[in-house]
Amino acid sequence: MDTIRLIDHEGNQRGVMTSREALALARSLDLDLVEIAPTASPPVCRIMDYGKFKFDEAQKAKESRRKTQNVGIKEMKYRPKIGPGDFDTKTRLVEKFLNEGHKVKITIMFRGRESAHPELGKKILDRIIEKLTDVAKVESAAKLDGRNMIMVLGPEKKAKPKGAEGSKEVAQQEEVVPSVSAEVSVEES
């Protein structure tokens, strides 16, 4: 290339000049001559510290990777004959996973003749959805897959509910302090 449009290290346009002059100017400043827009007419080149530029780009990429959130899929397995205590415990864990931003795959495992009654598994999934309506949305509806019924829940995009925490704070603020009063009653005879 014979002529190029040059931008100096401060970002100012230096105009159109030969590539030899631009390279000599870059060397005199102890910097690099980098071609930015090769398809332009004439091609655009910039004087910069290329090593520093690459380092800054790597740092920006690293920072953006750090800010991204890994969304994993957690799985919780239920049985059609699950007891109320186990159901509550597992559902609390599902709620915790959803609040952390994970998707949750809920599996109802059927054994033996239980697979002849998929409505029992559907009832459990309906109870889970009913309990988690404020924090979850159904991403994949319940479907029977062999001996398992599978449903996928995703976290709701709305703000996290603070009703339970708020009521505790109100209860603490409204704590009644007993007071002692010194009232003397005089009886007339």
N, C-alpha and C. Protein backbone atom coordinates (compact mmCIF):
# COMPACT_ATOMS: atom_id res chain seq x y z
N MET A 1 0.85 -1.17 0.00
CA MET A 1 0.00 0.00 0.00
C MET A 1 0.89 1.23 0.00
N ASP A 2 0.50 2.19 -0.79
CA ASP A 2 1.32 3.40 -0.93
C ASP A 2 0.89 4.47 0.06
N THR A 3 -0.38 4.88 -0.02
CA THR A 3 -0.84 5.95 0.87
C THR A 3 -1.86 5.40 1.86
N ILE A 4 -1.83 5.99 3.06
CA ILE A 4 -2.77 5.59 4.10
C ILE A 4 -3.29 6.84 4.79
N ARG A 5 -4.45 6.69 5.44
CA ARG A 5 -4.96 7.76 6.30
C ARG A 5 -4.50 7.42 7.71
N LEU A 6 -3.84 8.35 8.39
CA LEU A 6 -3.22 8.08 9.67
C LEU A 6 -3.96 8.74 10.82
N ILE A 7 -4.13 7.99 11.92
CA ILE A 7 -4.67 8.50 13.17
C ILE A 7 -3.55 8.32 14.19
N ASP A 8 -3.19 9.38 14.90
CA ASP A 8 -2.06 9.27 15.84
C ASP A 8 -2.49 8.64 17.16
N HIS A 9 -1.55 8.49 18.08
CA HIS A 9 -1.79 7.78 19.34
C HIS A 9 -2.76 8.52 20.27
N GLU A 10 -3.03 9.79 20.02
CA GLU A 10 -3.99 10.55 20.82
C GLU A 10 -5.38 10.55 20.21
N GLY A 11 -5.54 9.94 19.03
CA GLY A 11 -6.83 9.86 18.37
C GLY A 11 -7.08 10.97 17.37
N ASN A 12 -6.08 11.82 17.10
CA ASN A 12 -6.23 12.91 16.14
C ASN A 12 -5.90 12.44 14.73
N GLN A 13 -6.63 12.94 13.75
CA GLN A 13 -6.35 12.59 12.36
C GLN A 13 -5.13 13.35 11.88
N ARG A 14 -4.17 12.63 11.31
CA ARG A 14 -2.95 13.26 10.79
C ARG A 14 -3.02 13.46 9.27
N GLY A 15 -4.07 12.91 8.66
CA GLY A 15 -4.25 13.10 7.22
C GLY A 15 -3.72 11.92 6.42
N VAL A 16 -3.64 12.10 5.10
CA VAL A 16 -3.18 11.07 4.18
C VAL A 16 -1.68 11.24 3.97
N MET A 17 -0.93 10.13 4.13
CA MET A 17 0.52 10.15 3.91
C MET A 17 0.97 8.78 3.45
N THR A 18 2.22 8.67 3.09
CA THR A 18 2.73 7.37 2.63
C THR A 18 2.91 6.46 3.85
N SER A 19 2.89 5.18 3.57
CA SER A 19 3.02 4.22 4.66
C SER A 19 4.42 4.29 5.28
N ARG A 20 5.45 4.62 4.49
CA ARG A 20 6.82 4.73 5.03
C ARG A 20 6.91 5.88 6.04
N GLU A 21 6.28 7.01 5.70
CA GLU A 21 6.30 8.16 6.63
C GLU A 21 5.57 7.81 7.93
N ALA A 22 4.43 7.13 7.81
CA ALA A 22 3.64 6.76 8.98
C ALA A 22 4.42 5.78 9.85
N LEU A 23 5.10 4.82 9.23
CA LEU A 23 5.88 3.85 9.98
C LEU A 23 7.06 4.52 10.68
N ALA A 24 7.70 5.46 10.01
CA ALA A 24 8.82 6.20 10.62
C ALA A 24 8.31 7.02 11.82
N LEU A 25 7.13 7.63 11.69
CA LEU A 25 6.55 8.41 12.79
C LEU A 25 6.22 7.50 13.99
N ALA A 26 5.67 6.31 13.71
CA ALA A 26 5.33 5.37 14.77
C ALA A 26 6.59 4.90 15.49
N ARG A 27 7.67 4.62 14.73
CA ARG A 27 8.92 4.17 15.34
C ARG A 27 9.55 5.28 16.18
N SER A 28 9.43 6.52 15.72
CA SER A 28 10.01 7.63 16.48
C SER A 28 9.29 7.81 17.83
N LEU A 29 8.00 7.44 17.89
CA LEU A 29 7.24 7.52 19.14
C LEU A 29 7.34 6.22 19.95
N ASP A 30 8.09 5.24 19.42
CA ASP A 30 8.26 3.93 20.05
C ASP A 30 6.91 3.22 20.21
N LEU A 31 6.07 3.31 19.17
CA LEU A 31 4.76 2.66 19.14
C LEU A 31 4.62 1.85 17.86
N ASP A 32 3.47 1.22 17.68
CA ASP A 32 3.22 0.36 16.52
C ASP A 32 2.25 1.04 15.56
N LEU A 33 2.36 0.68 14.29
CA LEU A 33 1.42 1.15 13.26
C LEU A 33 0.47 -0.01 12.96
N VAL A 34 -0.83 0.19 13.28
CA VAL A 34 -1.82 -0.89 13.14
C VAL A 34 -2.86 -0.47 12.12
N GLU A 35 -3.12 -1.39 11.16
CA GLU A 35 -4.12 -1.13 10.13
C GLU A 35 -5.50 -1.42 10.73
N ILE A 36 -6.38 -0.41 10.74
CA ILE A 36 -7.69 -0.55 11.37
C ILE A 36 -8.77 -0.88 10.34
N ALA A 37 -8.80 -0.15 9.24
CA ALA A 37 -9.83 -0.36 8.22
C ALA A 37 -9.15 -0.58 6.87
N PRO A 38 -8.82 -1.86 6.56
CA PRO A 38 -8.10 -2.13 5.31
C PRO A 38 -8.95 -1.93 4.05
N THR A 39 -10.28 -1.97 4.18
CA THR A 39 -11.13 -1.87 2.98
C THR A 39 -11.43 -0.42 2.61
N ALA A 40 -11.12 0.53 3.51
CA ALA A 40 -11.39 1.94 3.21
C ALA A 40 -10.44 2.41 2.11
N SER A 41 -10.80 3.52 1.50
CA SER A 41 -9.94 4.07 0.44
C SER A 41 -9.56 5.49 0.81
N PRO A 42 -8.35 5.80 1.16
CA PRO A 42 -7.20 4.91 1.42
C PRO A 42 -7.38 4.19 2.76
N PRO A 43 -6.63 3.08 2.97
CA PRO A 43 -6.75 2.31 4.20
C PRO A 43 -6.41 3.18 5.43
N VAL A 44 -7.10 2.90 6.55
CA VAL A 44 -6.91 3.68 7.77
C VAL A 44 -5.97 2.91 8.71
N CYS A 45 -4.93 3.62 9.20
CA CYS A 45 -3.98 3.04 10.14
C CYS A 45 -3.92 3.92 11.38
N ARG A 46 -3.55 3.31 12.50
CA ARG A 46 -3.47 4.04 13.75
C ARG A 46 -2.15 3.74 14.45
N ILE A 47 -1.60 4.75 15.08
CA ILE A 47 -0.39 4.57 15.87
C ILE A 47 -0.83 4.25 17.29
N MET A 48 -0.40 3.08 17.82
CA MET A 48 -0.79 2.68 19.17
C MET A 48 0.22 1.68 19.72
N ASP A 49 0.14 1.43 21.03
CA ASP A 49 0.92 0.38 21.66
C ASP A 49 0.09 -0.90 21.53
N TYR A 50 0.43 -1.73 20.57
CA TYR A 50 -0.38 -2.90 20.25
C TYR A 50 -0.41 -3.90 21.41
N GLY A 51 0.69 -4.07 22.11
CA GLY A 51 0.73 -4.99 23.25
C GLY A 51 -0.23 -4.55 24.34
N LYS A 52 -0.26 -3.26 24.63
CA LYS A 52 -1.18 -2.72 25.64
C LYS A 52 -2.63 -2.88 25.18
N PHE A 53 -2.86 -2.66 23.88
CA PHE A 53 -4.19 -2.81 23.31
C PHE A 53 -4.68 -4.25 23.49
N LYS A 54 -3.85 -5.24 23.18
CA LYS A 54 -4.23 -6.64 23.31
C LYS A 54 -4.50 -7.00 24.78
N PHE A 55 -3.66 -6.47 25.69
CA PHE A 55 -3.84 -6.72 27.11
C PHE A 55 -5.18 -6.16 27.60
N ASP A 56 -5.50 -4.93 27.19
CA ASP A 56 -6.77 -4.31 27.59
C ASP A 56 -7.96 -5.10 27.06
N GLU A 57 -7.86 -5.57 25.83
CA GLU A 57 -8.95 -6.38 25.25
C GLU A 57 -9.13 -7.68 26.04
N ALA A 58 -8.01 -8.31 26.42
CA ALA A 58 -8.10 -9.56 27.20
C ALA A 58 -8.73 -9.29 28.55
N GLN A 59 -8.39 -8.16 29.18
CA GLN A 59 -8.97 -7.81 30.48
C GLN A 59 -10.47 -7.57 30.36
N LYS A 60 -10.90 -6.89 29.30
CA LYS A 60 -12.33 -6.65 29.09
C LYS A 60 -13.08 -7.97 28.89
N ALA A 61 -12.48 -8.88 28.11
CA ALA A 61 -13.12 -10.18 27.87
C ALA A 61 -13.21 -10.97 29.16
N LYS A 62 -12.16 -10.92 29.97
CA LYS A 62 -12.14 -11.63 31.26
C LYS A 62 -13.21 -11.07 32.19
N GLU A 63 -13.34 -9.75 32.22
CA GLU A 63 -14.34 -9.10 33.08
C GLU A 63 -15.75 -9.47 32.64
N SER A 64 -15.99 -9.51 31.33
CA SER A 64 -17.34 -9.86 30.86
C SER A 64 -17.66 -11.32 31.15
N ARG A 65 -16.66 -12.20 31.10
CA ARG A 65 -16.90 -13.60 31.45
C ARG A 65 -17.21 -13.73 32.94
N ARG A 66 -16.57 -12.91 33.76
CA ARG A 66 -16.80 -12.98 35.20
C ARG A 66 -18.21 -12.53 35.54
N LYS A 67 -18.75 -11.58 34.79
CA LYS A 67 -20.08 -11.04 35.09
C LYS A 67 -21.21 -11.95 34.64
N THR A 68 -20.93 -12.87 33.72
CA THR A 68 -21.99 -13.76 33.26
C THR A 68 -22.33 -14.75 34.36
N GLN A 69 -23.59 -15.13 34.42
CA GLN A 69 -24.05 -16.04 35.45
C GLN A 69 -24.26 -17.42 34.85
N ASN A 70 -23.68 -18.42 35.49
CA ASN A 70 -23.85 -19.78 35.02
C ASN A 70 -25.20 -20.30 35.49
N VAL A 71 -26.05 -20.62 34.55
CA VAL A 71 -27.35 -21.16 34.89
C VAL A 71 -27.27 -22.66 34.69
N GLY A 72 -27.32 -23.37 35.80
CA GLY A 72 -27.26 -24.83 35.73
C GLY A 72 -28.65 -25.41 35.85
N ILE A 73 -28.74 -26.68 35.55
CA ILE A 73 -30.01 -27.38 35.73
C ILE A 73 -29.85 -28.31 36.91
N LYS A 74 -30.63 -28.07 37.94
CA LYS A 74 -30.65 -28.94 39.11
C LYS A 74 -31.81 -29.91 38.93
N GLU A 75 -31.70 -31.07 39.55
CA GLU A 75 -32.78 -32.05 39.43
C GLU A 75 -33.26 -32.46 40.81
N MET A 76 -34.57 -32.56 40.96
CA MET A 76 -35.16 -33.03 42.21
C MET A 76 -36.09 -34.18 41.85
N LYS A 77 -35.91 -35.31 42.56
CA LYS A 77 -36.70 -36.50 42.27
C LYS A 77 -37.74 -36.72 43.36
N TYR A 78 -38.95 -36.97 42.93
CA TYR A 78 -40.08 -37.25 43.83
C TYR A 78 -40.60 -38.64 43.50
N ARG A 79 -41.38 -39.20 44.42
CA ARG A 79 -42.07 -40.46 44.19
C ARG A 79 -43.57 -40.23 44.35
N PRO A 80 -44.43 -41.00 43.71
CA PRO A 80 -45.87 -40.79 43.84
C PRO A 80 -46.37 -40.94 45.28
N LYS A 81 -45.72 -41.78 46.10
CA LYS A 81 -46.17 -42.00 47.47
C LYS A 81 -45.33 -41.20 48.47
N ILE A 82 -44.92 -39.99 48.10
CA ILE A 82 -44.07 -39.18 48.96
C ILE A 82 -44.88 -38.65 50.15
N GLY A 83 -44.24 -38.62 51.31
CA GLY A 83 -44.91 -38.12 52.51
C GLY A 83 -44.91 -36.60 52.54
N PRO A 84 -45.77 -36.01 53.36
CA PRO A 84 -45.87 -34.54 53.39
C PRO A 84 -44.58 -33.86 53.85
N GLY A 85 -43.87 -34.45 54.80
CA GLY A 85 -42.63 -33.84 55.28
C GLY A 85 -41.56 -33.84 54.21
N ASP A 86 -41.40 -34.98 53.52
CA ASP A 86 -40.42 -35.06 52.44
C ASP A 86 -40.79 -34.12 51.29
N PHE A 87 -42.09 -34.06 51.01
CA PHE A 87 -42.55 -33.17 49.94
C PHE A 87 -42.18 -31.73 50.25
N ASP A 88 -42.44 -31.30 51.49
CA ASP A 88 -42.13 -29.91 51.87
C ASP A 88 -40.64 -29.63 51.80
N THR A 89 -39.82 -30.59 52.29
CA THR A 89 -38.37 -30.41 52.29
C THR A 89 -37.84 -30.29 50.86
N LYS A 90 -38.26 -31.19 49.99
CA LYS A 90 -37.79 -31.16 48.60
C LYS A 90 -38.28 -29.90 47.89
N THR A 91 -39.49 -29.48 48.16
CA THR A 91 -40.03 -28.29 47.52
C THR A 91 -39.30 -27.03 48.00
N ARG A 92 -38.92 -27.00 49.28
CA ARG A 92 -38.11 -25.88 49.79
C ARG A 92 -36.77 -25.81 49.07
N LEU A 93 -36.15 -26.96 48.84
CA LEU A 93 -34.88 -26.99 48.11
C LEU A 93 -35.06 -26.51 46.67
N VAL A 94 -36.16 -26.92 46.04
CA VAL A 94 -36.45 -26.47 44.68
C VAL A 94 -36.58 -24.94 44.67
N GLU A 95 -37.28 -24.40 45.67
CA GLU A 95 -37.45 -22.95 45.76
C GLU A 95 -36.09 -22.25 45.94
N LYS A 96 -35.21 -22.85 46.75
CA LYS A 96 -33.88 -22.29 46.96
C LYS A 96 -33.10 -22.26 45.65
N PHE A 97 -33.14 -23.36 44.89
CA PHE A 97 -32.45 -23.41 43.60
C PHE A 97 -32.98 -22.34 42.65
N LEU A 98 -34.30 -22.17 42.62
CA LEU A 98 -34.90 -21.18 41.74
C LEU A 98 -34.49 -19.76 42.14
N ASN A 99 -34.44 -19.49 43.44
CA ASN A 99 -34.02 -18.16 43.91
C ASN A 99 -32.56 -17.88 43.58
N GLU A 100 -31.74 -18.94 43.46
CA GLU A 100 -30.34 -18.78 43.06
C GLU A 100 -30.20 -18.59 41.57
N GLY A 101 -31.29 -18.75 40.81
CA GLY A 101 -31.26 -18.52 39.37
C GLY A 101 -31.10 -19.77 38.54
N HIS A 102 -31.17 -20.95 39.16
CA HIS A 102 -31.02 -22.20 38.42
C HIS A 102 -32.37 -22.67 37.88
N LYS A 103 -32.30 -23.46 36.81
CA LYS A 103 -33.49 -24.17 36.35
C LYS A 103 -33.56 -25.46 37.15
N VAL A 104 -34.77 -25.98 37.34
CA VAL A 104 -34.93 -27.21 38.12
C VAL A 104 -35.75 -28.20 37.30
N LYS A 105 -35.17 -29.40 37.14
CA LYS A 105 -35.86 -30.49 36.45
C LYS A 105 -36.48 -31.35 37.54
N ILE A 106 -37.80 -31.45 37.52
CA ILE A 106 -38.50 -32.24 38.53
C ILE A 106 -38.91 -33.57 37.89
N THR A 107 -38.49 -34.65 38.55
CA THR A 107 -38.75 -35.98 38.04
C THR A 107 -39.60 -36.74 39.04
N ILE A 108 -40.70 -37.30 38.56
CA ILE A 108 -41.52 -38.20 39.38
C ILE A 108 -41.18 -39.61 38.91
N MET A 109 -40.63 -40.42 39.82
CA MET A 109 -40.20 -41.77 39.45
C MET A 109 -41.30 -42.77 39.80
N PHE A 110 -41.73 -43.52 38.82
CA PHE A 110 -42.76 -44.55 39.03
C PHE A 110 -42.08 -45.91 39.10
N ARG A 111 -42.54 -46.76 40.03
CA ARG A 111 -42.01 -48.12 40.12
C ARG A 111 -43.16 -49.11 40.07
N GLY A 112 -42.96 -50.18 39.36
CA GLY A 112 -43.96 -51.25 39.29
C GLY A 112 -45.28 -50.77 38.73
N ARG A 113 -46.37 -51.06 39.47
CA ARG A 113 -47.71 -50.71 38.99
C ARG A 113 -48.02 -49.23 39.15
N GLU A 114 -47.13 -48.45 39.78
CA GLU A 114 -47.36 -47.01 39.90
C GLU A 114 -47.44 -46.35 38.52
N SER A 115 -46.72 -46.92 37.54
CA SER A 115 -46.72 -46.32 36.21
C SER A 115 -48.08 -46.43 35.52
N ALA A 116 -48.98 -47.26 36.06
CA ALA A 116 -50.34 -47.36 35.51
C ALA A 116 -51.20 -46.19 35.97
N HIS A 117 -50.68 -45.37 36.92
CA HIS A 117 -51.44 -44.24 37.44
C HIS A 117 -50.64 -42.94 37.33
N PRO A 118 -50.46 -42.43 36.11
CA PRO A 118 -49.69 -41.19 35.95
C PRO A 118 -50.40 -39.98 36.56
N GLU A 119 -51.70 -40.09 36.82
CA GLU A 119 -52.43 -38.97 37.42
C GLU A 119 -51.90 -38.66 38.83
N LEU A 120 -51.35 -39.67 39.52
CA LEU A 120 -50.77 -39.42 40.84
C LEU A 120 -49.53 -38.52 40.72
N GLY A 121 -48.72 -38.78 39.73
CA GLY A 121 -47.55 -37.93 39.49
C GLY A 121 -47.96 -36.54 39.07
N LYS A 122 -49.00 -36.44 38.26
CA LYS A 122 -49.49 -35.13 37.81
C LYS A 122 -49.99 -34.31 39.00
N LYS A 123 -50.64 -34.98 39.97
CA LYS A 123 -51.12 -34.27 41.16
C LYS A 123 -49.95 -33.67 41.94
N ILE A 124 -48.87 -34.44 42.07
CA ILE A 124 -47.69 -33.95 42.79
C ILE A 124 -47.09 -32.75 42.07
N LEU A 125 -46.97 -32.84 40.75
CA LEU A 125 -46.42 -31.72 39.98
C LEU A 125 -47.31 -30.49 40.10
N ASP A 126 -48.63 -30.69 40.11
CA ASP A 126 -49.55 -29.57 40.28
C ASP A 126 -49.38 -28.91 41.66
N ARG A 127 -49.17 -29.75 42.70
CA ARG A 127 -48.94 -29.20 44.04
C ARG A 127 -47.65 -28.38 44.09
N ILE A 128 -46.62 -28.86 43.39
CA ILE A 128 -45.34 -28.13 43.35
C ILE A 128 -45.53 -26.78 42.67
N ILE A 129 -46.21 -26.78 41.53
CA ILE A 129 -46.46 -25.54 40.79
C ILE A 129 -47.27 -24.57 41.65
N GLU A 130 -48.29 -25.11 42.34
CA GLU A 130 -49.14 -24.26 43.19
C GLU A 130 -48.33 -23.63 44.32
N LYS A 131 -47.39 -24.39 44.89
CA LYS A 131 -46.58 -23.88 45.99
C LYS A 131 -45.53 -22.86 45.53
N LEU A 132 -45.09 -22.97 44.28
CA LEU A 132 -43.99 -22.13 43.80
C LEU A 132 -44.42 -21.12 42.73
N THR A 133 -45.68 -20.76 42.68
CA THR A 133 -46.16 -19.86 41.62
C THR A 133 -45.45 -18.51 41.63
N ASP A 134 -45.04 -18.00 42.80
CA ASP A 134 -44.43 -16.68 42.86
C ASP A 134 -42.96 -16.67 42.46
N VAL A 135 -42.27 -17.81 42.49
CA VAL A 135 -40.84 -17.83 42.17
C VAL A 135 -40.50 -18.63 40.92
N ALA A 136 -41.47 -19.36 40.35
CA ALA A 136 -41.15 -20.26 39.24
C ALA A 136 -42.14 -20.11 38.09
N LYS A 137 -41.65 -20.42 36.92
CA LYS A 137 -42.53 -20.55 35.75
C LYS A 137 -42.22 -21.88 35.08
N VAL A 138 -43.24 -22.49 34.50
CA VAL A 138 -43.06 -23.79 33.86
C VAL A 138 -42.44 -23.57 32.50
N GLU A 139 -41.25 -24.15 32.30
CA GLU A 139 -40.58 -24.03 31.00
C GLU A 139 -40.89 -25.22 30.11
N SER A 140 -41.07 -26.38 30.72
CA SER A 140 -41.41 -27.58 29.98
C SER A 140 -42.53 -28.28 30.74
N ALA A 141 -43.68 -28.41 30.11
CA ALA A 141 -44.83 -29.02 30.78
C ALA A 141 -44.55 -30.48 31.12
N ALA A 142 -45.33 -31.02 32.03
CA ALA A 142 -45.14 -32.41 32.48
C ALA A 142 -45.38 -33.37 31.32
N LYS A 143 -44.42 -34.28 31.15
CA LYS A 143 -44.59 -35.31 30.12
C LYS A 143 -44.03 -36.62 30.63
N LEU A 144 -44.65 -37.71 30.21
CA LEU A 144 -44.25 -39.04 30.65
C LEU A 144 -43.13 -39.53 29.75
N ASP A 145 -42.03 -39.96 30.38
CA ASP A 145 -40.85 -40.42 29.65
C ASP A 145 -40.47 -41.78 30.22
N GLY A 146 -41.05 -42.84 29.67
CA GLY A 146 -40.79 -44.18 30.20
C GLY A 146 -41.43 -44.33 31.56
N ARG A 147 -40.62 -44.61 32.58
CA ARG A 147 -41.12 -44.77 33.96
C ARG A 147 -41.06 -43.46 34.73
N ASN A 148 -40.69 -42.38 34.11
CA ASN A 148 -40.56 -41.09 34.79
C ASN A 148 -41.49 -40.05 34.16
N MET A 149 -41.96 -39.14 34.99
CA MET A 149 -42.69 -37.97 34.51
C MET A 149 -41.79 -36.78 34.78
N ILE A 150 -41.54 -35.97 33.76
CA ILE A 150 -40.55 -34.89 33.87
C ILE A 150 -41.19 -33.54 33.58
N MET A 151 -40.79 -32.54 34.37
CA MET A 151 -41.21 -31.17 34.16
C MET A 151 -40.02 -30.27 34.49
N VAL A 152 -39.85 -29.17 33.74
CA VAL A 152 -38.75 -28.25 34.00
C VAL A 152 -39.32 -26.90 34.42
N LEU A 153 -38.81 -26.40 35.56
CA LEU A 153 -39.20 -25.08 36.07
C LEU A 153 -38.02 -24.13 35.91
N GLY A 154 -38.33 -22.88 35.58
CA GLY A 154 -37.31 -21.84 35.49
C GLY A 154 -37.62 -20.73 36.47
N PRO A 155 -36.61 -19.96 36.85
CA PRO A 155 -36.86 -18.87 37.80
C PRO A 155 -37.71 -17.78 37.18
N GLU A 156 -38.60 -17.23 37.97
CA GLU A 156 -39.45 -16.11 37.53
C GLU A 156 -38.59 -14.86 37.47
N LYS A 157 -38.80 -14.01 36.48
CA LYS A 157 -37.98 -12.81 36.31
C LYS A 157 -38.36 -11.69 37.26
N LYS A 158 -39.51 -11.80 37.92
CA LYS A 158 -39.97 -10.75 38.82
C LYS A 158 -39.06 -10.65 40.03
N ALA A 159 -39.24 -9.58 40.79
CA ALA A 159 -38.46 -9.39 42.02
C ALA A 159 -38.81 -10.48 43.02
N LYS A 160 -37.85 -10.82 43.86
CA LYS A 160 -38.07 -11.87 44.85
C LYS A 160 -39.07 -11.39 45.89
N PRO A 161 -40.00 -12.26 46.29
CA PRO A 161 -41.00 -11.85 47.28
C PRO A 161 -40.35 -11.63 48.63
N LYS A 162 -40.77 -10.55 49.29
CA LYS A 162 -40.22 -10.25 50.60
C LYS A 162 -41.33 -10.21 51.64
N GLY A 163 -42.43 -10.84 51.37
CA GLY A 163 -43.56 -10.82 52.29
C GLY A 163 -43.24 -11.51 53.60
N ALA A 164 -42.59 -12.65 53.55
CA ALA A 164 -42.28 -13.40 54.77
C ALA A 164 -41.26 -12.63 55.61
N GLU A 165 -40.23 -12.07 54.99
CA GLU A 165 -39.22 -11.33 55.72
C GLU A 165 -39.80 -10.04 56.30
N GLY A 166 -40.65 -9.38 55.52
CA GLY A 166 -41.24 -8.13 55.97
C GLY A 166 -42.13 -8.32 57.19
N SER A 167 -42.88 -9.43 57.23
CA SER A 167 -43.77 -9.65 58.37
C SER A 167 -42.97 -9.91 59.64
N LYS A 168 -41.79 -10.53 59.54
CA LYS A 168 -40.95 -10.75 60.73
C LYS A 168 -40.45 -9.42 61.26
N GLU A 169 -40.05 -8.52 60.35
CA GLU A 169 -39.55 -7.22 60.77
C GLU A 169 -40.66 -6.41 61.46
N VAL A 170 -41.88 -6.47 60.94
CA VAL A 170 -43.00 -5.75 61.53
C VAL A 170 -43.29 -6.31 62.91
N ALA A 171 -43.24 -7.63 63.05
CA ALA A 171 -43.51 -8.25 64.34
C ALA A 171 -42.46 -7.82 65.37
N GLN A 172 -41.22 -7.68 64.95
CA GLN A 172 -40.17 -7.25 65.87
C GLN A 172 -40.37 -5.80 66.28
N GLN A 173 -40.84 -4.97 65.37
CA GLN A 173 -41.03 -3.55 65.66
C GLN A 173 -42.22 -3.33 66.59
N GLU A 174 -43.24 -4.15 66.47
CA GLU A 174 -44.45 -3.97 67.25
C GLU A 174 -44.43 -4.75 68.56
N GLU A 175 -43.24 -5.11 69.01
CA GLU A 175 -43.13 -5.86 70.26
C GLU A 175 -43.65 -5.01 71.41
N VAL A 176 -44.52 -5.59 72.21
CA VAL A 176 -45.16 -4.86 73.30
C VAL A 176 -44.28 -4.95 74.55
N VAL A 177 -43.99 -3.81 75.13
CA VAL A 177 -43.20 -3.77 76.35
C VAL A 177 -44.16 -3.52 77.51
N PRO A 178 -44.19 -4.43 78.48
CA PRO A 178 -45.11 -4.22 79.61
C PRO A 178 -44.65 -3.04 80.45
N SER A 179 -45.59 -2.25 80.86
CA SER A 179 -45.24 -1.11 81.68
C SER A 179 -45.90 -1.26 83.04
N VAL A 180 -45.25 -0.72 84.03
CA VAL A 180 -45.76 -0.81 85.39
C VAL A 180 -46.40 0.53 85.73
N SER A 181 -47.61 0.49 86.18
CA SER A 181 -48.28 1.74 86.54
C SER A 181 -48.54 1.74 88.05
N ALA A 182 -48.38 2.84 88.63
CA ALA A 182 -48.55 2.95 90.08
C ALA A 182 -49.84 3.71 90.37
N GLU A 183 -50.94 3.04 90.19
CA GLU A 183 -52.22 3.67 90.48
C GLU A 183 -52.67 3.23 91.87
N VAL A 184 -53.07 4.17 92.61
CA VAL A 184 -53.53 3.87 93.97
C VAL A 184 -55.03 4.10 94.00
N SER A 185 -55.73 3.11 94.43
CA SER A 185 -57.16 3.30 94.53
C SER A 185 -57.52 3.42 96.01
N VAL A 186 -58.31 4.38 96.28
CA VAL A 186 -58.73 4.63 97.66
C VAL A 186 -60.19 4.21 97.79
N GLU A 187 -60.42 3.35 98.75
CA GLU A 187 -61.77 2.87 98.95
C GLU A 187 -62.43 3.74 100.04
N GLU A 188 -63.62 4.11 99.76
CA GLU A 188 -64.36 4.91 100.76
C GLU A 188 -65.23 3.99 101.57
N SER A 189 -65.24 4.19 102.85
CA SER A 189 -66.08 3.34 103.69
C SER A 189 -67.21 4.10 104.31
